Amino acid sequence: MSQSELEQQIAEVELTRTEAQKIVEMGNKARDLAKNPLFKELILDGYFMNEAARLAHLSSDPMINETQREQVQRDIFGIGGLKRYLRTITMMADNAQSELESSIETLEELRSEEVGE
């Protein structure tokens, strides 16, 4: 492999490593947020559980009209969307952590190859 190809590969791996590190940091922030007692009370318990249950019961209430029922459904979708977003961040962070570890090994191999030439 030529020196310029090797340098380009190193640059690509470093960029991948930088991006993976940003994703890992976002995952750490999401995990820290989930540990915050106020966030747990307001969002994890209050919104994801209590509000979701209230809306589920409300959606089956025969006394609400179609417009209200549609709004309740949108609110339920909103809860699911936020929950999925937070879960996705942590899942992506777990994958990025593995990628980060792999990229560190790859960088070490490429740099040793660069020195060996």
C-alpha atoms as a PDB file:
ATOM      1  CA  MET A   1       0.000   0.000   0.000  1.00  0.00           C
ATOM      2  CA  SER A   2       1.375   3.410  -0.914  1.00  0.00           C
ATOM      3  CA  GLN A   3       2.097   6.069   1.696  1.00  0.00           C
ATOM      4  CA  SER A   4      -0.741   8.312   0.443  1.00  0.00           C
ATOM      5  CA  GLU A   5      -3.236   5.426   0.534  1.00  0.00           C
ATOM      6  CA  LEU A   6      -2.136   4.595   4.040  1.00  0.00           C
ATOM      7  CA  GLU A   7      -2.472   8.224   5.138  1.00  0.00           C
ATOM      8  CA  GLN A   8      -5.950   8.381   3.596  1.00  0.00           C
ATOM      9  CA  GLN A   9      -7.015   5.211   5.426  1.00  0.00           C
ATOM     10  CA  ILE A  10      -5.700   6.626   8.701  1.00  0.00           C
ATOM     11  CA  ALA A  11      -7.633   9.863   8.124  1.00  0.00           C
ATOM     12  CA  GLU A  12     -10.842   7.920   7.410  1.00  0.00           C
ATOM     13  CA  VAL A  13     -10.466   5.779  10.529  1.00  0.00           C
ATOM     14  CA  GLU A  14      -9.759   8.880  12.638  1.00  0.00           C
ATOM     15  CA  LEU A  15     -12.896  10.543  11.258  1.00  0.00           C
ATOM     16  CA  THR A  16     -14.936   7.427  12.023  1.00  0.00           C
ATOM     17  CA  ARG A  17     -13.438   7.394  15.499  1.00  0.00           C
ATOM     18  CA  THR A  18     -14.353  11.051  16.052  1.00  0.00           C
ATOM     19  CA  GLU A  19     -17.938  10.476  14.922  1.00  0.00           C
ATOM     20  CA  ALA A  20     -18.248   7.346  17.076  1.00  0.00           C
ATOM     21  CA  GLN A  21     -16.967   9.278  20.088  1.00  0.00           C
ATOM     22  CA  LYS A  22     -19.668  11.944  19.582  1.00  0.00           C
ATOM     23  CA  ILE A  23     -22.364   9.261  19.486  1.00  0.00           C
ATOM     24  CA  VAL A  24     -20.956   7.598  22.620  1.00  0.00           C
ATOM     25  CA  GLU A  25     -21.022  10.973  24.390  1.00  0.00           C
ATOM     26  CA  MET A  26     -24.682  11.466  23.406  1.00  0.00           C
ATOM     27  CA  GLY A  27     -25.487   8.036  24.817  1.00  0.00           C
ATOM     28  CA  ASN A  28     -23.709   8.903  28.048  1.00  0.00           C
ATOM     29  CA  LYS A  29     -25.757  12.099  28.283  1.00  0.00           C
ATOM     30  CA  ALA A  30     -28.993  10.162  27.745  1.00  0.00           C
ATOM     31  CA  ARG A  31     -28.008   7.677  30.458  1.00  0.00           C
ATOM     32  CA  ASP A  32     -27.067  10.500  32.836  1.00  0.00           C
ATOM     33  CA  LEU A  33     -30.371  12.187  32.110  1.00  0.00           C
ATOM     34  CA  ALA A  34     -32.261   8.987  32.933  1.00  0.00           C
ATOM     35  CA  LYS A  35     -30.518   8.908  36.329  1.00  0.00           C
ATOM     36  CA  ASN A  36     -31.607  12.469  37.155  1.00  0.00           C
ATOM     37  CA  PRO A  37     -34.380  12.260  39.791  1.00  0.00           C
ATOM     38  CA  LEU A  38     -36.352  15.156  38.267  1.00  0.00           C
ATOM     39  CA  PHE A  39     -36.201  13.660  34.770  1.00  0.00           C
ATOM     40  CA  LYS A  40     -37.205  10.287  36.172  1.00  0.00           C
ATOM     41  CA  GLU A  41     -40.152  11.791  38.012  1.00  0.00           C
ATOM     42  CA  LEU A  42     -41.364  14.074  35.206  1.00  0.00           C
ATOM     43  CA  ILE A  43     -40.565  12.124  32.061  1.00  0.00           C
ATOM     44  CA  LEU A  44     -39.815   8.447  32.748  1.00  0.00           C
ATOM     45  CA  ASP A  45     -42.563   7.960  35.331  1.00  0.00           C
ATOM     46  CA  GLY A  46     -44.846  10.943  34.767  1.00  0.00           C
ATOM     47  CA  TYR A  47     -44.913  11.124  30.975  1.00  0.00           C
ATOM     48  CA  PHE A  48     -43.970   7.650  29.745  1.00  0.00           C
ATOM     49  CA  MET A  49     -46.060   5.790  32.304  1.00  0.00           C
ATOM     50  CA  ASN A  50     -48.723   7.919  33.985  1.00  0.00           C
ATOM     51  CA  GLU A  51     -49.601  10.164  31.047  1.00  0.00           C
ATOM     52  CA  ALA A  52     -49.509   7.232  28.629  1.00  0.00           C
ATOM     53  CA  ALA A  53     -51.939   5.290  30.841  1.00  0.00           C
ATOM     54  CA  ARG A  54     -54.217   8.314  31.211  1.00  0.00           C
ATOM     55  CA  LEU A  55     -54.300   8.852  27.460  1.00  0.00           C
ATOM     56  CA  ALA A  56     -54.945   5.153  26.797  1.00  0.00           C
ATOM     57  CA  HIS A  57     -57.974   5.257  29.098  1.00  0.00           C
ATOM     58  CA  LEU A  58     -59.137   8.539  27.612  1.00  0.00           C
ATOM     59  CA  SER A  59     -58.920   7.175  24.069  1.00  0.00           C
ATOM     60  CA  SER A  60     -61.524   4.538  24.913  1.00  0.00           C
ATOM     61  CA  ASP A  61     -63.897   7.002  26.618  1.00  0.00           C
ATOM     62  CA  PRO A  62     -67.195   7.060  24.682  1.00  0.00           C
ATOM     63  CA  MET A  63     -67.818  10.640  25.825  1.00  0.00           C
ATOM     64  CA  ILE A  64     -65.015  12.223  23.760  1.00  0.00           C
ATOM     65  CA  ASN A  65     -65.651  13.322  20.207  1.00  0.00           C
ATOM     66  CA  GLU A  66     -63.638  12.339  17.132  1.00  0.00           C
ATOM     67  CA  THR A  67     -61.481  15.495  17.199  1.00  0.00           C
ATOM     68  CA  GLN A  68     -60.540  14.862  20.826  1.00  0.00           C
ATOM     69  CA  ARG A  69     -59.841  11.189  20.089  1.00  0.00           C
ATOM     70  CA  GLU A  70     -57.494  12.180  17.233  1.00  0.00           C
ATOM     71  CA  GLN A  71     -55.646  14.565  19.548  1.00  0.00           C
ATOM     72  CA  VAL A  72     -55.287  11.844  22.168  1.00  0.00           C
ATOM     73  CA  GLN A  73     -53.839   9.510  19.508  1.00  0.00           C
ATOM     74  CA  ARG A  74     -51.325  12.180  18.433  1.00  0.00           C
ATOM     75  CA  ASP A  75     -50.308  12.649  22.072  1.00  0.00           C
ATOM     76  CA  ILE A  76     -49.822   8.899  22.470  1.00  0.00           C
ATOM     77  CA  PHE A  77     -47.659   8.826  19.319  1.00  0.00           C
ATOM     78  CA  GLY A  78     -45.615  11.705  20.758  1.00  0.00           C
ATOM     79  CA  ILE A  79     -44.870   9.720  23.906  1.00  0.00           C
ATOM     80  CA  GLY A  80     -43.790   6.742  21.828  1.00  0.00           C
ATOM     81  CA  GLY A  81     -41.651   8.938  19.593  1.00  0.00           C
ATOM     82  CA  LEU A  82     -39.722  10.491  22.480  1.00  0.00           C
ATOM     83  CA  LYS A  83     -39.240   7.139  24.173  1.00  0.00           C
ATOM     84  CA  ARG A  84     -37.978   5.597  20.918  1.00  0.00           C
ATOM     85  CA  TYR A  85     -35.629   8.570  20.361  1.00  0.00           C
ATOM     86  CA  LEU A  86     -34.000   8.173  23.783  1.00  0.00           C
ATOM     87  CA  ARG A  87     -33.720   4.395  23.396  1.00  0.00           C
ATOM     88  CA  THR A  88     -32.202   4.799  19.923  1.00  0.00           C
ATOM     89  CA  ILE A  89     -29.547   7.173  21.264  1.00  0.00           C
ATOM     90  CA  THR A  90     -28.379   4.623  23.830  1.00  0.00           C
ATOM     91  CA  MET A  91     -28.473   1.745  21.326  1.00  0.00           C
ATOM     92  CA  MET A  92     -26.461   3.761  18.808  1.00  0.00           C
ATOM     93  CA  ALA A  93     -23.999   4.668  21.574  1.00  0.00           C
ATOM     94  CA  ASP A  94     -23.492   1.001  22.425  1.00  0.00           C
ATOM     95  CA  ASN A  95     -22.792   0.224  18.765  1.00  0.00           C
ATOM     96  CA  ALA A  96     -20.510   3.258  18.452  1.00  0.00           C
ATOM     97  CA  GLN A  97     -18.544   2.140  21.531  1.00  0.00           C
ATOM     98  CA  SER A  98     -17.795  -1.171  19.819  1.00  0.00           C
ATOM     99  CA  GLU A  99     -16.894   0.681  16.625  1.00  0.00           C
ATOM    100  CA  LEU A 100     -14.654   3.013  18.601  1.00  0.00           C
ATOM    101  CA  GLU A 101     -12.744   0.128  20.150  1.00  0.00           C
ATOM    102  CA  SER A 102     -12.343  -1.474  16.741  1.00  0.00           C
ATOM    103  CA  SER A 103     -11.168   1.772  15.149  1.00  0.00           C
ATOM    104  CA  ILE A 104      -8.513   2.221  17.842  1.00  0.00           C
ATOM    105  CA  GLU A 105      -7.114  -1.218  16.999  1.00  0.00           C
ATOM    106  CA  THR A 106      -7.261  -0.442  13.274  1.00  0.00           C
ATOM    107  CA  LEU A 107      -5.445   2.864  13.797  1.00  0.00           C
ATOM    108  CA  GLU A 108      -2.709   1.142  15.758  1.00  0.00           C
ATOM    109  CA  GLU A 109      -2.268  -1.416  12.966  1.00  0.00           C
ATOM    110  CA  LEU A 110      -2.213   1.248  10.243  1.00  0.00           C
ATOM    111  CA  ARG A 111       0.265   3.422  12.134  1.00  0.00           C
ATOM    112  CA  SER A 112       2.571   0.491  12.759  1.00  0.00           C
ATOM    113  CA  GLU A 113       2.359  -0.319   9.057  1.00  0.00           C
ATOM    114  CA  GLU A 114       3.130   3.332   8.270  1.00  0.00           C
ATOM    115  CA  VAL A 115       6.216   3.249  10.497  1.00  0.00           C
ATOM    116  CA  GLY A 116       7.291  -0.085   8.990  1.00  0.00           C
ATOM    117  CA  GLU A 117       7.424   1.271   5.449  1.00  0.00           C
END
